[in-house]
Amino acid sequence: MCGRYSLTLGAADLAERFDAAPPDGWEPRYNCAPGQDLPVLADDAPDEFRRMTWGYTPPWADESFDLINARVETVDEKRTFAEAFESRRCLVPADGFYEWSDHVGEKRPYRVAFEDDRAFAMAGVHAVWEPPTPGRQAGLGEWGGGSADGDGDAADERVEAFAVLTTEPNDRVADLHHRMAVVLPRERERDWLAGDLGKADLLEPYPGDDLRWYPVSTRVNSPANDDPSLVDPVDSDGDADAGA
């Protein structure tokens, strides 16, 4: 799965890498976590980043799902994701993601990144969900005279959110976890947004040849921690260079 990632580029570097305007007030993030508002590039506005909540709910749901991942093997079959897979795609920028593994006998976090720490894009889907209120059923609009408080305005309750697609891991990541994020080749990122990549194009994981993983501080366990030291390697039973 993909349950935490880093995006340490500053605003100017983020804009240059993805040829898109950065979100207002953007600062590097070292511990992006579910429930947070994070920058994505969506298919309906591919030239500017906007913030979405990490934790997807389909528009028709009567309660929040908060799904952080979607399995690429079934994303076009499940009602929850099928429509978004066809028409609501996004790029989720990152420069590393975290996995927790007990392969050395103690479960601890590891960061997976390219050898040169370059940024990349994960394939995602997005949707806008409006929580139901008395007199309104999700996906059906208002009936019965508006919201319970009489103002009839639920726009500020709408949640625009995303989920990251996952697939089988490559040989490198398989040592840590049985799933990994769908990392897109740079030359195919815009193809994903344009709808030119199908499920068959995403099943094969990104090759692990130029990826590395290494142990990081257990401080990354808490989303409250978000500082540069979280991406630094730490010693793990004398094997600080594991996976490099």
Protein backbone atom coordinates (compact mmCIF):
# COMPACT_ATOMS: atom_id res chain seq x y z
CA MET A 1 0.00 0.00 0.00
CA CYS A 2 0.96 3.65 0.07
CA GLY A 3 0.10 5.24 3.39
CA ARG A 4 2.71 7.96 3.77
CA TYR A 5 5.04 9.86 1.44
CA SER A 6 7.37 12.84 1.16
CA LEU A 7 7.42 15.83 -1.17
CA THR A 8 10.43 17.93 -0.28
CA LEU A 9 10.54 20.21 -3.34
CA GLY A 10 10.06 23.91 -2.79
CA ALA A 11 7.42 25.82 -4.76
CA ALA A 12 9.73 26.85 -7.61
CA ASP A 13 11.18 23.36 -8.08
CA LEU A 14 7.71 21.79 -7.92
CA ALA A 15 6.49 24.16 -10.63
CA GLU A 16 9.51 23.50 -12.84
CA ARG A 17 9.38 19.72 -12.50
CA PHE A 18 5.68 19.40 -13.34
CA ASP A 19 5.26 22.52 -15.52
CA ALA A 20 2.37 23.68 -13.37
CA ALA A 21 1.66 26.51 -10.95
CA PRO A 22 2.30 25.45 -7.33
CA PRO A 23 -0.39 25.77 -4.66
CA ASP A 24 -0.44 29.00 -2.69
CA GLY A 25 1.78 28.94 0.36
CA TRP A 26 3.41 25.63 -0.50
CA GLU A 27 6.24 24.46 1.76
CA PRO A 28 8.18 21.17 1.51
CA ARG A 29 6.54 18.23 3.28
CA TYR A 30 8.41 15.30 4.79
CA ASN A 31 5.51 13.27 6.16
CA CYS A 32 2.42 13.53 3.95
CA ALA A 33 -0.36 11.54 5.64
CA PRO A 34 -3.99 10.55 5.09
CA GLY A 35 -6.49 13.24 6.04
CA GLN A 36 -4.16 16.06 5.05
CA ASP A 37 -4.74 18.54 2.21
CA LEU A 38 -1.99 17.88 -0.33
CA PRO A 39 -1.12 19.15 -3.84
CA VAL A 40 -2.28 17.18 -6.88
CA LEU A 41 -2.57 17.84 -10.60
CA ALA A 42 -6.07 16.95 -11.80
CA ASP A 43 -7.22 16.13 -15.31
CA ASP A 44 -9.66 19.06 -15.35
CA ALA A 45 -6.91 21.62 -14.59
CA PRO A 46 -3.54 20.05 -15.50
CA ASP A 47 -1.59 23.32 -15.44
CA GLU A 48 -2.04 24.20 -11.79
CA PHE A 49 -1.77 22.28 -8.56
CA ARG A 50 -4.66 22.34 -6.14
CA ARG A 51 -4.97 20.88 -2.69
CA MET A 52 -7.13 17.84 -2.10
CA THR A 53 -7.67 15.71 0.98
CA TRP A 54 -5.94 12.34 0.94
CA GLY A 55 -8.85 9.98 1.60
CA TYR A 56 -11.29 9.35 -1.25
CA THR A 57 -15.07 9.05 -1.01
CA PRO A 58 -17.25 8.51 -4.12
CA PRO A 59 -19.84 11.21 -4.83
CA TRP A 60 -22.79 8.86 -4.27
CA ALA A 61 -21.76 7.72 -0.78
CA ASP A 62 -23.98 8.45 2.22
CA GLU A 63 -21.00 8.36 4.55
CA SER A 64 -17.30 9.09 4.29
CA PHE A 65 -15.11 6.24 2.99
CA ASP A 66 -11.71 7.97 3.36
CA LEU A 67 -9.97 5.47 1.07
CA ILE A 68 -6.30 6.24 0.59
CA ASN A 69 -5.53 3.54 -2.01
CA ALA A 70 -7.21 1.89 -4.99
CA ARG A 71 -6.01 -1.46 -6.35
CA VAL A 72 -5.23 -1.08 -10.05
CA GLU A 73 -6.28 -4.69 -10.70
CA THR A 74 -9.92 -3.85 -9.87
CA VAL A 75 -10.12 -0.06 -10.10
CA ASP A 76 -12.20 -0.16 -13.29
CA GLU A 77 -14.57 -2.81 -11.87
CA LYS A 78 -15.40 -1.51 -8.41
CA ARG A 79 -18.32 0.92 -8.27
CA THR A 80 -16.38 3.02 -5.80
CA PHE A 81 -13.64 3.88 -8.30
CA ALA A 82 -14.80 2.95 -11.82
CA GLU A 83 -16.16 6.37 -12.80
CA ALA A 84 -13.15 8.19 -11.38
CA PHE A 85 -10.79 5.85 -13.23
CA GLU A 86 -12.50 6.79 -16.49
CA SER A 87 -12.91 10.52 -16.01
CA ARG A 88 -11.36 11.88 -12.78
CA ARG A 89 -7.65 11.18 -12.80
CA CYS A 90 -4.82 13.01 -11.07
CA LEU A 91 -1.08 13.04 -10.53
CA VAL A 92 0.15 12.86 -6.94
CA PRO A 93 3.69 14.31 -6.77
CA ALA A 94 6.23 12.81 -4.40
CA ASP A 95 9.93 12.19 -4.03
CA GLY A 96 9.69 9.17 -1.74
CA PHE A 97 7.20 6.97 0.08
CA TYR A 98 7.37 5.13 3.37
CA GLU A 99 6.75 1.47 4.09
CA TRP A 100 6.81 -0.36 7.40
CA SER A 101 8.54 -3.74 7.44
CA ASP A 102 9.77 -6.29 9.97
CA HIS A 103 12.23 -7.94 7.60
CA VAL A 104 15.04 -7.46 10.17
CA GLY A 105 12.94 -8.78 13.04
CA GLU A 106 11.55 -5.45 14.24
CA LYS A 107 8.85 -3.52 12.41
CA ARG A 108 10.14 -0.10 11.49
CA PRO A 109 9.73 2.52 8.74
CA TYR A 110 11.75 2.65 5.54
CA ARG A 111 11.79 5.29 2.83
CA VAL A 112 11.68 4.25 -0.83
CA ALA A 113 13.11 6.80 -3.28
CA PHE A 114 15.13 7.12 -6.44
CA GLU A 115 18.88 6.98 -6.07
CA ASP A 116 19.10 10.67 -6.97
CA ASP A 117 16.02 11.60 -4.88
CA ARG A 118 14.27 13.00 -7.95
CA ALA A 119 10.57 13.75 -7.86
CA PHE A 120 8.01 11.48 -9.50
CA ALA A 121 4.26 11.21 -9.92
CA MET A 122 1.96 8.52 -8.54
CA ALA A 123 -1.26 7.74 -10.40
CA GLY A 124 -4.37 8.83 -8.54
CA VAL A 125 -8.12 9.29 -8.86
CA HIS A 126 -10.20 12.06 -7.33
CA ALA A 127 -13.78 13.04 -6.58
CA VAL A 128 -15.88 15.66 -4.82
CA TRP A 129 -18.08 14.34 -2.02
CA GLU A 130 -20.74 16.34 -0.23
CA PRO A 131 -21.80 14.95 3.15
CA PRO A 132 -25.55 14.25 3.29
CA THR A 133 -27.71 16.51 5.43
CA PRO A 134 -31.36 16.16 6.46
CA GLY A 135 -33.34 16.72 3.28
CA ARG A 136 -30.52 15.74 0.94
CA GLN A 137 -29.29 12.32 -0.12
CA ALA A 138 -25.77 12.01 -1.48
CA GLY A 139 -25.69 12.34 -5.25
CA LEU A 140 -29.39 13.32 -5.54
CA GLY A 141 -29.33 17.00 -4.59
CA GLU A 142 -31.73 18.85 -2.34
CA TRP A 143 -35.29 17.82 -1.62
CA GLY A 144 -37.61 19.07 1.06
CA GLY A 145 -36.54 22.69 1.25
CA GLY A 146 -32.80 22.87 1.85
CA SER A 147 -30.48 22.18 4.75
CA ALA A 148 -31.49 21.70 8.37
CA ASP A 149 -30.23 25.14 9.38
CA GLY A 150 -32.19 26.81 6.59
CA ASP A 151 -29.27 28.39 4.74
CA GLY A 152 -29.27 25.78 1.96
CA ASP A 153 -25.53 26.26 1.35
CA ALA A 154 -23.45 23.09 1.65
CA ALA A 155 -20.62 24.19 -0.64
CA ASP A 156 -18.24 24.66 2.28
CA GLU A 157 -18.87 21.07 3.34
CA ARG A 158 -17.79 19.57 0.04
CA VAL A 159 -14.65 17.48 0.23
CA GLU A 160 -12.41 17.14 -2.82
CA ALA A 161 -10.23 14.12 -2.18
CA PHE A 162 -7.97 11.60 -3.87
CA ALA A 163 -6.67 8.05 -3.62
CA VAL A 164 -3.34 6.64 -4.83
CA LEU A 165 -3.39 3.62 -7.13
CA THR A 166 -1.35 0.61 -6.02
CA THR A 167 -0.04 -2.47 -7.80
CA GLU A 168 2.20 -5.48 -7.18
CA PRO A 169 5.67 -4.42 -5.97
CA ASN A 170 8.82 -4.58 -8.03
CA ASP A 171 11.68 -6.79 -6.88
CA ARG A 172 13.20 -4.03 -4.75
CA VAL A 173 10.05 -2.99 -2.88
CA ALA A 174 8.88 -6.61 -2.47
CA ASP A 175 11.42 -6.96 0.35
CA LEU A 176 9.36 -4.42 2.32
CA HIS A 177 5.71 -4.82 1.31
CA HIS A 178 3.36 -6.79 -0.95
CA ARG A 179 1.99 -3.61 -2.60
CA MET A 180 3.46 -0.37 -3.93
CA ALA A 181 2.20 2.87 -5.44
CA VAL A 182 1.76 3.08 -9.21
CA VAL A 183 4.76 5.25 -10.10
CA LEU A 184 4.39 6.66 -13.59
CA PRO A 185 7.29 7.03 -16.04
CA ARG A 186 7.84 10.73 -16.50
CA GLU A 187 7.03 10.57 -20.21
CA ARG A 188 3.65 8.95 -19.49
CA GLU A 189 2.41 11.28 -16.73
CA ARG A 190 0.37 13.48 -19.05
CA ASP A 191 -0.93 10.39 -20.85
CA TRP A 192 -2.45 9.27 -17.56
CA LEU A 193 -4.22 12.59 -17.11
CA ALA A 194 -5.44 12.56 -20.70
CA GLY A 195 -6.99 9.11 -20.31
CA ASP A 196 -4.55 7.49 -22.72
CA LEU A 197 -3.33 4.85 -20.25
CA GLY A 198 -5.53 1.87 -19.43
CA LYS A 199 -5.37 -0.64 -16.62
CA ALA A 200 -3.06 -2.94 -18.59
CA ASP A 201 -0.48 -0.13 -18.79
CA LEU A 202 -0.39 0.17 -14.99
CA LEU A 203 -0.22 -3.44 -13.84
CA GLU A 204 3.54 -3.74 -14.30
CA PRO A 205 5.30 -1.95 -11.41
CA TYR A 206 7.91 0.69 -12.01
CA PRO A 207 11.29 -1.11 -12.31
CA GLY A 208 13.35 -1.15 -9.16
CA ASP A 209 16.75 -0.75 -10.84
CA ASP A 210 17.28 2.87 -9.77
CA LEU A 211 15.23 2.78 -6.58
CA ARG A 212 16.65 2.40 -3.11
CA TRP A 213 15.21 1.99 0.36
CA TYR A 214 16.71 2.74 3.72
CA PRO A 215 15.61 2.87 7.38
CA VAL A 216 14.36 6.18 8.76
CA SER A 217 13.45 7.44 12.20
CA THR A 218 10.35 6.02 13.91
CA ARG A 219 9.34 9.67 14.39
CA VAL A 220 7.73 9.32 10.96
CA ASN A 221 5.12 7.09 12.62
CA SER A 222 3.33 10.19 13.85
CA PRO A 223 1.87 12.58 11.23
CA ALA A 224 2.45 15.36 13.76
CA ASN A 225 6.16 15.14 12.94
CA ASP A 226 7.11 16.84 9.68
CA ASP A 227 10.70 18.03 9.37
CA PRO A 228 13.77 17.34 7.18
CA SER A 229 15.30 14.81 9.58
CA LEU A 230 12.53 12.34 8.74
CA VAL A 231 14.02 11.56 5.33
CA ASP A 232 17.55 11.05 6.70
CA PRO A 233 18.89 7.47 6.93
CA VAL A 234 19.31 6.03 10.41
CA ASP A 235 21.21 3.00 11.59
CA SER A 236 19.17 -0.20 11.74
CA ASP A 237 21.02 -2.97 13.58
CA GLY A 238 24.25 -1.79 12.05
CA ASP A 239 22.84 -1.91 8.50
CA ALA A 240 22.26 1.73 7.66
CA ASP A 241 22.83 1.12 3.95
CA ALA A 242 20.25 -1.65 3.62
CA GLY A 243 18.68 -1.77 0.20
CA ALA A 244 20.89 0.95 -1.26
